[in-house]
Amino acid sequence: MFMQMVLALHEIHRHKKGKILHRGVRPENILMDQQGNLKLGDFSLAKMLNKDNSFAATSIGDSCYVSPEQLSSAKSSEKSDIWSLGCLLFEMAALVPPFQAQNHLAIAMKIKKGVIPSLPSCYSSELHRVVRYAL
């Protein structure tokens, strides 16, 4: 499932007419068809960049999945989508989002600090490494 999400992001980030930033990667936007194939949906927040531009200048997204770059500089790149995907992978394994708090500001502070909680110990060191790499 995770690999299908990676491939979907790879496809839009390498789009032939210009890089597309999804900016809304979160559980609600991952859809499954009848054959069990995952689809990346809801491109309402997406931004297409031309070849001369590698950043989008607006910060949009669910606070639990927003990257530190979006919080700090209001610029996003494909790295922000990868960050969100890392948050999804963490949530798939731990069954809770990696950053939780009582309000959006507290979540933002946790993300900016960069303290990533550990996955449960039942998972392999390889999975721990993939999550740490994405986040």
N, C-alpha and C. Protein backbone atom coordinates (compact mmCIF):
# COMPACT_ATOMS: atom_id res chain seq x y z
N MET A 1 0.83 -1.20 0.00
CA MET A 1 0.00 0.00 0.00
C MET A 1 0.87 1.25 0.00
N PHE A 2 1.88 1.24 0.83
CA PHE A 2 2.76 2.40 0.91
C PHE A 2 3.47 2.63 -0.42
N MET A 3 3.92 1.56 -1.05
CA MET A 3 4.62 1.69 -2.33
C MET A 3 3.71 2.30 -3.39
N GLN A 4 2.44 1.96 -3.39
CA GLN A 4 1.51 2.56 -4.34
C GLN A 4 1.39 4.07 -4.11
N MET A 5 1.41 4.50 -2.86
CA MET A 5 1.36 5.93 -2.55
C MET A 5 2.65 6.62 -3.01
N VAL A 6 3.79 5.96 -2.80
CA VAL A 6 5.07 6.51 -3.25
C VAL A 6 5.05 6.69 -4.76
N LEU A 7 4.58 5.67 -5.48
CA LEU A 7 4.54 5.74 -6.94
C LEU A 7 3.58 6.82 -7.43
N ALA A 8 2.47 7.02 -6.74
CA ALA A 8 1.53 8.08 -7.12
C ALA A 8 2.18 9.45 -6.98
N LEU A 9 2.88 9.67 -5.86
CA LEU A 9 3.58 10.95 -5.69
C LEU A 9 4.70 11.11 -6.71
N HIS A 10 5.42 10.04 -6.97
CA HIS A 10 6.50 10.10 -7.96
C HIS A 10 5.94 10.54 -9.32
N GLU A 11 4.80 10.00 -9.67
CA GLU A 11 4.18 10.33 -10.96
C GLU A 11 3.83 11.81 -11.06
N ILE A 12 3.21 12.37 -10.03
CA ILE A 12 2.83 13.78 -10.12
C ILE A 12 4.02 14.71 -9.95
N HIS A 13 5.03 14.30 -9.20
CA HIS A 13 6.22 15.14 -9.04
C HIS A 13 7.06 15.18 -10.30
N ARG A 14 6.92 14.19 -11.17
CA ARG A 14 7.69 14.12 -12.42
C ARG A 14 6.79 14.31 -13.64
N HIS A 15 5.66 14.97 -13.45
CA HIS A 15 4.69 15.19 -14.53
C HIS A 15 5.36 15.92 -15.69
N LYS A 16 5.09 15.49 -16.92
CA LYS A 16 5.80 16.02 -18.08
C LYS A 16 5.48 17.49 -18.38
N LYS A 17 4.33 17.99 -17.97
CA LYS A 17 3.99 19.39 -18.22
C LYS A 17 4.43 20.31 -17.09
N GLY A 18 4.90 19.76 -16.02
CA GLY A 18 5.34 20.53 -14.86
C GLY A 18 5.09 19.76 -13.58
N LYS A 19 5.94 19.99 -12.62
CA LYS A 19 5.84 19.30 -11.33
C LYS A 19 4.53 19.68 -10.65
N ILE A 20 3.84 18.69 -10.12
CA ILE A 20 2.61 18.93 -9.38
C ILE A 20 2.87 18.62 -7.91
N LEU A 21 2.61 19.60 -7.06
CA LEU A 21 2.67 19.39 -5.62
C LEU A 21 1.25 19.12 -5.14
N HIS A 22 1.05 18.02 -4.44
CA HIS A 22 -0.30 17.66 -3.99
C HIS A 22 -0.75 18.55 -2.85
N ARG A 23 0.06 18.71 -1.84
CA ARG A 23 -0.16 19.57 -0.67
C ARG A 23 -1.36 19.18 0.18
N GLY A 24 -1.88 17.97 -0.01
CA GLY A 24 -3.01 17.51 0.79
C GLY A 24 -2.93 16.02 1.04
N VAL A 25 -1.71 15.48 1.13
CA VAL A 25 -1.55 14.05 1.37
C VAL A 25 -1.94 13.77 2.82
N ARG A 26 -3.01 13.02 2.97
CA ARG A 26 -3.52 12.63 4.29
C ARG A 26 -4.46 11.45 4.09
N PRO A 27 -4.82 10.74 5.14
CA PRO A 27 -5.61 9.51 4.98
C PRO A 27 -6.90 9.69 4.17
N GLU A 28 -7.59 10.80 4.35
CA GLU A 28 -8.85 11.02 3.65
C GLU A 28 -8.68 11.09 2.14
N ASN A 29 -7.46 11.37 1.67
CA ASN A 29 -7.22 11.55 0.24
C ASN A 29 -6.57 10.34 -0.41
N ILE A 30 -6.50 9.24 0.32
CA ILE A 30 -6.02 7.98 -0.24
C ILE A 30 -7.25 7.11 -0.46
N LEU A 31 -7.52 6.78 -1.70
CA LEU A 31 -8.72 6.05 -2.07
C LEU A 31 -8.34 4.65 -2.55
N MET A 32 -9.25 3.70 -2.38
CA MET A 32 -9.00 2.33 -2.82
C MET A 32 -10.11 1.91 -3.78
N ASP A 33 -9.72 1.34 -4.93
CA ASP A 33 -10.72 0.85 -5.87
C ASP A 33 -11.12 -0.58 -5.52
N GLN A 34 -12.00 -1.17 -6.30
CA GLN A 34 -12.54 -2.50 -6.00
C GLN A 34 -11.48 -3.60 -6.09
N GLN A 35 -10.40 -3.34 -6.83
CA GLN A 35 -9.32 -4.32 -6.94
C GLN A 35 -8.25 -4.15 -5.85
N GLY A 36 -8.45 -3.20 -4.96
CA GLY A 36 -7.50 -2.98 -3.88
C GLY A 36 -6.35 -2.05 -4.26
N ASN A 37 -6.45 -1.39 -5.41
CA ASN A 37 -5.42 -0.44 -5.83
C ASN A 37 -5.68 0.92 -5.18
N LEU A 38 -4.61 1.54 -4.71
CA LEU A 38 -4.74 2.85 -4.08
C LEU A 38 -4.64 3.95 -5.12
N LYS A 39 -5.38 5.01 -4.88
CA LYS A 39 -5.39 6.19 -5.75
C LYS A 39 -5.21 7.41 -4.87
N LEU A 40 -4.46 8.37 -5.38
CA LEU A 40 -4.28 9.64 -4.69
C LEU A 40 -5.37 10.58 -5.18
N GLY A 41 -6.21 11.05 -4.27
CA GLY A 41 -7.34 11.87 -4.65
C GLY A 41 -7.27 13.27 -4.09
N ASP A 42 -8.28 14.05 -4.39
CA ASP A 42 -8.48 15.43 -3.95
C ASP A 42 -7.27 16.32 -4.27
N PHE A 43 -7.25 16.80 -5.48
CA PHE A 43 -6.18 17.69 -5.92
C PHE A 43 -6.59 19.16 -5.78
N SER A 44 -7.55 19.44 -4.91
CA SER A 44 -8.03 20.82 -4.75
C SER A 44 -6.96 21.76 -4.19
N LEU A 45 -5.99 21.24 -3.47
CA LEU A 45 -4.92 22.07 -2.92
C LEU A 45 -3.64 22.00 -3.76
N ALA A 46 -3.68 21.21 -4.83
CA ALA A 46 -2.48 20.98 -5.64
C ALA A 46 -2.04 22.24 -6.35
N LYS A 47 -0.76 22.27 -6.66
CA LYS A 47 -0.15 23.40 -7.37
C LYS A 47 0.77 22.84 -8.44
N MET A 48 0.59 23.30 -9.68
CA MET A 48 1.50 22.89 -10.75
C MET A 48 2.58 23.95 -10.89
N LEU A 49 3.83 23.49 -10.89
CA LEU A 49 4.96 24.39 -11.03
C LEU A 49 5.57 24.24 -12.41
N ASN A 50 6.03 25.34 -12.95
CA ASN A 50 6.72 25.25 -14.24
C ASN A 50 8.16 24.83 -14.01
N LYS A 51 8.91 24.65 -15.07
CA LYS A 51 10.29 24.14 -14.96
C LYS A 51 11.23 25.10 -14.24
N ASP A 52 10.90 26.39 -14.22
CA ASP A 52 11.77 27.38 -13.57
C ASP A 52 11.45 27.59 -12.10
N ASN A 53 10.39 26.99 -11.63
CA ASN A 53 9.94 27.20 -10.26
C ASN A 53 9.89 25.87 -9.53
N SER A 54 10.55 25.77 -8.39
CA SER A 54 10.56 24.51 -7.66
C SER A 54 9.83 24.59 -6.32
N PHE A 55 9.22 25.75 -6.02
CA PHE A 55 8.52 25.92 -4.76
C PHE A 55 7.16 26.56 -4.99
N ALA A 56 6.21 26.21 -4.16
CA ALA A 56 4.92 26.89 -4.11
C ALA A 56 4.95 27.83 -2.93
N ALA A 57 4.40 29.01 -3.10
CA ALA A 57 4.56 30.06 -2.09
C ALA A 57 3.43 30.12 -1.08
N THR A 58 2.55 29.17 -1.05
CA THR A 58 1.48 29.19 -0.05
C THR A 58 1.57 27.95 0.81
N SER A 59 1.21 28.09 2.05
CA SER A 59 1.24 26.96 2.98
C SER A 59 -0.18 26.48 3.20
N ILE A 60 -0.44 25.26 2.75
CA ILE A 60 -1.77 24.70 2.84
C ILE A 60 -1.64 23.27 3.31
N GLY A 61 -2.61 22.82 4.07
CA GLY A 61 -2.61 21.40 4.43
C GLY A 61 -3.10 21.18 5.84
N ASP A 62 -3.37 19.94 6.15
CA ASP A 62 -3.82 19.54 7.47
C ASP A 62 -2.65 19.67 8.44
N SER A 63 -2.88 20.26 9.59
CA SER A 63 -1.79 20.55 10.51
C SER A 63 -1.03 19.31 10.98
N CYS A 64 -1.66 18.15 11.00
CA CYS A 64 -0.98 16.93 11.43
C CYS A 64 0.03 16.44 10.39
N TYR A 65 -0.10 16.90 9.15
CA TYR A 65 0.71 16.38 8.05
C TYR A 65 1.54 17.47 7.36
N VAL A 66 1.55 18.67 7.91
CA VAL A 66 2.29 19.79 7.32
C VAL A 66 3.77 19.67 7.69
N SER A 67 4.62 19.90 6.70
CA SER A 67 6.06 19.78 6.92
C SER A 67 6.62 20.98 7.68
N PRO A 68 7.78 20.82 8.30
CA PRO A 68 8.42 21.95 8.99
C PRO A 68 8.71 23.11 8.05
N GLU A 69 9.05 22.81 6.79
CA GLU A 69 9.33 23.87 5.81
C GLU A 69 8.09 24.73 5.56
N GLN A 70 6.95 24.10 5.46
CA GLN A 70 5.71 24.84 5.25
C GLN A 70 5.39 25.71 6.46
N LEU A 71 5.67 25.21 7.64
CA LEU A 71 5.39 25.98 8.85
C LEU A 71 6.35 27.16 8.99
N SER A 72 7.59 27.00 8.57
CA SER A 72 8.61 28.03 8.77
C SER A 72 8.63 29.09 7.68
N SER A 73 8.54 28.67 6.43
CA SER A 73 8.76 29.65 5.37
C SER A 73 7.60 29.81 4.40
N ALA A 74 6.51 29.10 4.63
CA ALA A 74 5.35 29.16 3.75
C ALA A 74 5.70 28.75 2.32
N LYS A 75 6.74 27.96 2.13
CA LYS A 75 7.10 27.42 0.83
C LYS A 75 7.04 25.90 0.91
N SER A 76 6.57 25.31 -0.16
CA SER A 76 6.54 23.86 -0.17
C SER A 76 7.14 23.35 -1.48
N SER A 77 7.70 22.18 -1.39
CA SER A 77 8.25 21.50 -2.56
C SER A 77 7.77 20.06 -2.46
N GLU A 78 8.29 19.21 -3.34
CA GLU A 78 7.91 17.80 -3.27
C GLU A 78 8.35 17.18 -1.95
N LYS A 79 9.33 17.77 -1.28
CA LYS A 79 9.76 17.27 0.02
C LYS A 79 8.64 17.36 1.05
N SER A 80 7.78 18.36 0.92
CA SER A 80 6.65 18.49 1.83
C SER A 80 5.65 17.36 1.63
N ASP A 81 5.43 16.95 0.37
CA ASP A 81 4.56 15.81 0.11
C ASP A 81 5.16 14.53 0.69
N ILE A 82 6.48 14.38 0.59
CA ILE A 82 7.16 13.20 1.14
C ILE A 82 7.03 13.20 2.66
N TRP A 83 7.17 14.36 3.28
CA TRP A 83 6.97 14.47 4.73
C TRP A 83 5.59 13.95 5.10
N SER A 84 4.56 14.43 4.38
CA SER A 84 3.19 13.99 4.66
C SER A 84 3.05 12.48 4.49
N LEU A 85 3.71 11.94 3.46
CA LEU A 85 3.67 10.50 3.24
C LEU A 85 4.35 9.75 4.39
N GLY A 86 5.44 10.31 4.93
CA GLY A 86 6.10 9.73 6.10
C GLY A 86 5.17 9.72 7.30
N CYS A 87 4.40 10.80 7.46
CA CYS A 87 3.41 10.84 8.54
C CYS A 87 2.36 9.75 8.36
N LEU A 88 1.94 9.54 7.12
CA LEU A 88 0.97 8.47 6.85
C LEU A 88 1.54 7.10 7.17
N LEU A 89 2.79 6.86 6.78
CA LEU A 89 3.42 5.57 7.07
C LEU A 89 3.50 5.34 8.57
N PHE A 90 3.90 6.37 9.30
CA PHE A 90 3.94 6.27 10.76
C PHE A 90 2.56 5.90 11.29
N GLU A 91 1.53 6.59 10.80
CA GLU A 91 0.17 6.35 11.28
C GLU A 91 -0.32 4.95 10.92
N MET A 92 0.06 4.46 9.73
CA MET A 92 -0.32 3.10 9.34
C MET A 92 0.27 2.07 10.29
N ALA A 93 1.49 2.32 10.75
CA ALA A 93 2.16 1.36 11.63
C ALA A 93 1.72 1.51 13.09
N ALA A 94 1.67 2.75 13.56
CA ALA A 94 1.41 2.99 14.98
C ALA A 94 -0.08 3.15 15.30
N LEU A 95 -0.89 3.35 14.27
CA LEU A 95 -2.33 3.56 14.41
C LEU A 95 -2.69 4.88 15.09
N VAL A 96 -1.72 5.78 15.15
CA VAL A 96 -1.94 7.15 15.62
C VAL A 96 -1.02 8.06 14.80
N PRO A 97 -1.42 9.31 14.59
CA PRO A 97 -0.53 10.24 13.87
C PRO A 97 0.74 10.49 14.68
N PRO A 98 1.84 10.83 14.01
CA PRO A 98 3.10 11.05 14.73
C PRO A 98 3.09 12.30 15.62
N PHE A 99 2.26 13.27 15.28
CA PHE A 99 2.21 14.51 16.05
C PHE A 99 0.78 14.73 16.51
N GLN A 100 0.60 14.72 17.83
CA GLN A 100 -0.72 14.91 18.42
C GLN A 100 -0.63 15.97 19.51
N ALA A 101 -1.66 16.78 19.59
CA ALA A 101 -1.74 17.80 20.64
C ALA A 101 -3.18 18.30 20.70
N GLN A 102 -3.45 19.18 21.65
CA GLN A 102 -4.80 19.69 21.86
C GLN A 102 -5.26 20.71 20.82
N ASN A 103 -4.28 21.36 20.13
CA ASN A 103 -4.66 22.37 19.14
C ASN A 103 -3.60 22.46 18.04
N HIS A 104 -3.92 23.22 17.00
CA HIS A 104 -3.03 23.33 15.83
C HIS A 104 -1.68 23.95 16.18
N LEU A 105 -1.67 24.93 17.05
CA LEU A 105 -0.42 25.57 17.44
C LEU A 105 0.51 24.59 18.15
N ALA A 106 -0.04 23.80 19.04
CA ALA A 106 0.79 22.82 19.77
C ALA A 106 1.34 21.76 18.82
N ILE A 107 0.53 21.35 17.83
CA ILE A 107 1.03 20.39 16.83
C ILE A 107 2.16 21.02 16.03
N ALA A 108 1.97 22.28 15.62
CA ALA A 108 3.00 22.98 14.86
C ALA A 108 4.31 23.07 15.64
N MET A 109 4.23 23.32 16.92
CA MET A 109 5.43 23.41 17.76
C MET A 109 6.15 22.06 17.81
N LYS A 110 5.40 20.97 17.92
CA LYS A 110 6.01 19.64 17.93
C LYS A 110 6.71 19.34 16.60
N ILE A 111 6.06 19.70 15.50
CA ILE A 111 6.66 19.47 14.18
C ILE A 111 7.93 20.28 14.03
N LYS A 112 7.90 21.56 14.42
CA LYS A 112 9.08 22.42 14.31
C LYS A 112 10.25 21.92 15.15
N LYS A 113 9.95 21.35 16.33
CA LYS A 113 11.01 20.81 17.18
C LYS A 113 11.69 19.61 16.54
N GLY A 114 10.97 18.92 15.68
CA GLY A 114 11.55 17.78 14.97
C GLY A 114 11.71 16.53 15.80
N VAL A 115 11.02 16.46 16.91
CA VAL A 115 11.08 15.27 17.75
C VAL A 115 10.05 14.27 17.22
N ILE A 116 10.54 13.22 16.62
CA ILE A 116 9.67 12.22 16.02
C ILE A 116 9.52 11.06 16.99
N PRO A 117 8.30 10.73 17.36
CA PRO A 117 8.12 9.61 18.27
C PRO A 117 8.59 8.30 17.64
N SER A 118 8.91 7.35 18.45
CA SER A 118 9.34 6.04 17.97
C SER A 118 8.14 5.20 17.59
N LEU A 119 8.33 4.38 16.59
CA LEU A 119 7.33 3.38 16.25
C LEU A 119 7.33 2.30 17.32
N PRO A 120 6.25 1.56 17.44
CA PRO A 120 6.27 0.43 18.37
C PRO A 120 7.43 -0.51 18.06
N SER A 121 7.97 -1.14 19.08
CA SER A 121 9.17 -1.97 18.94
C SER A 121 8.96 -3.23 18.11
N CYS A 122 7.72 -3.58 17.82
CA CYS A 122 7.46 -4.79 17.03
C CYS A 122 7.87 -4.63 15.57
N TYR A 123 8.16 -3.41 15.12
CA TYR A 123 8.51 -3.18 13.73
C TYR A 123 10.01 -3.27 13.51
N SER A 124 10.38 -3.60 12.29
CA SER A 124 11.78 -3.80 11.94
C SER A 124 12.56 -2.49 11.96
N SER A 125 13.86 -2.61 12.07
CA SER A 125 14.72 -1.43 12.02
C SER A 125 14.63 -0.76 10.65
N GLU A 126 14.34 -1.53 9.61
CA GLU A 126 14.21 -0.96 8.27
C GLU A 126 13.01 -0.02 8.20
N LEU A 127 11.89 -0.42 8.80
CA LEU A 127 10.71 0.45 8.79
C LEU A 127 10.98 1.70 9.62
N HIS A 128 11.64 1.56 10.75
CA HIS A 128 12.02 2.72 11.56
C HIS A 128 12.86 3.68 10.73
N ARG A 129 13.79 3.14 9.95
CA ARG A 129 14.70 3.94 9.13
C ARG A 129 13.92 4.68 8.02
N VAL A 130 12.97 4.01 7.39
CA VAL A 130 12.19 4.64 6.31
C VAL A 130 11.37 5.81 6.87
N VAL A 131 10.75 5.61 8.02
CA VAL A 131 9.97 6.70 8.64
C VAL A 131 10.87 7.85 8.99
N ARG A 132 12.00 7.58 9.60
CA ARG A 132 12.93 8.66 9.98
C ARG A 132 13.46 9.40 8.75
N TYR A 133 13.68 8.68 7.65
CA TYR A 133 14.16 9.29 6.42
C TYR A 133 13.12 10.25 5.85
N ALA A 134 11.85 9.83 5.85
CA ALA A 134 10.78 10.65 5.30
C ALA A 134 10.48 11.86 6.19
N LEU A 135 10.58 11.65 7.49
CA LEU A 135 10.30 12.75 8.41
C LEU A 135 11.60 13.43 8.77
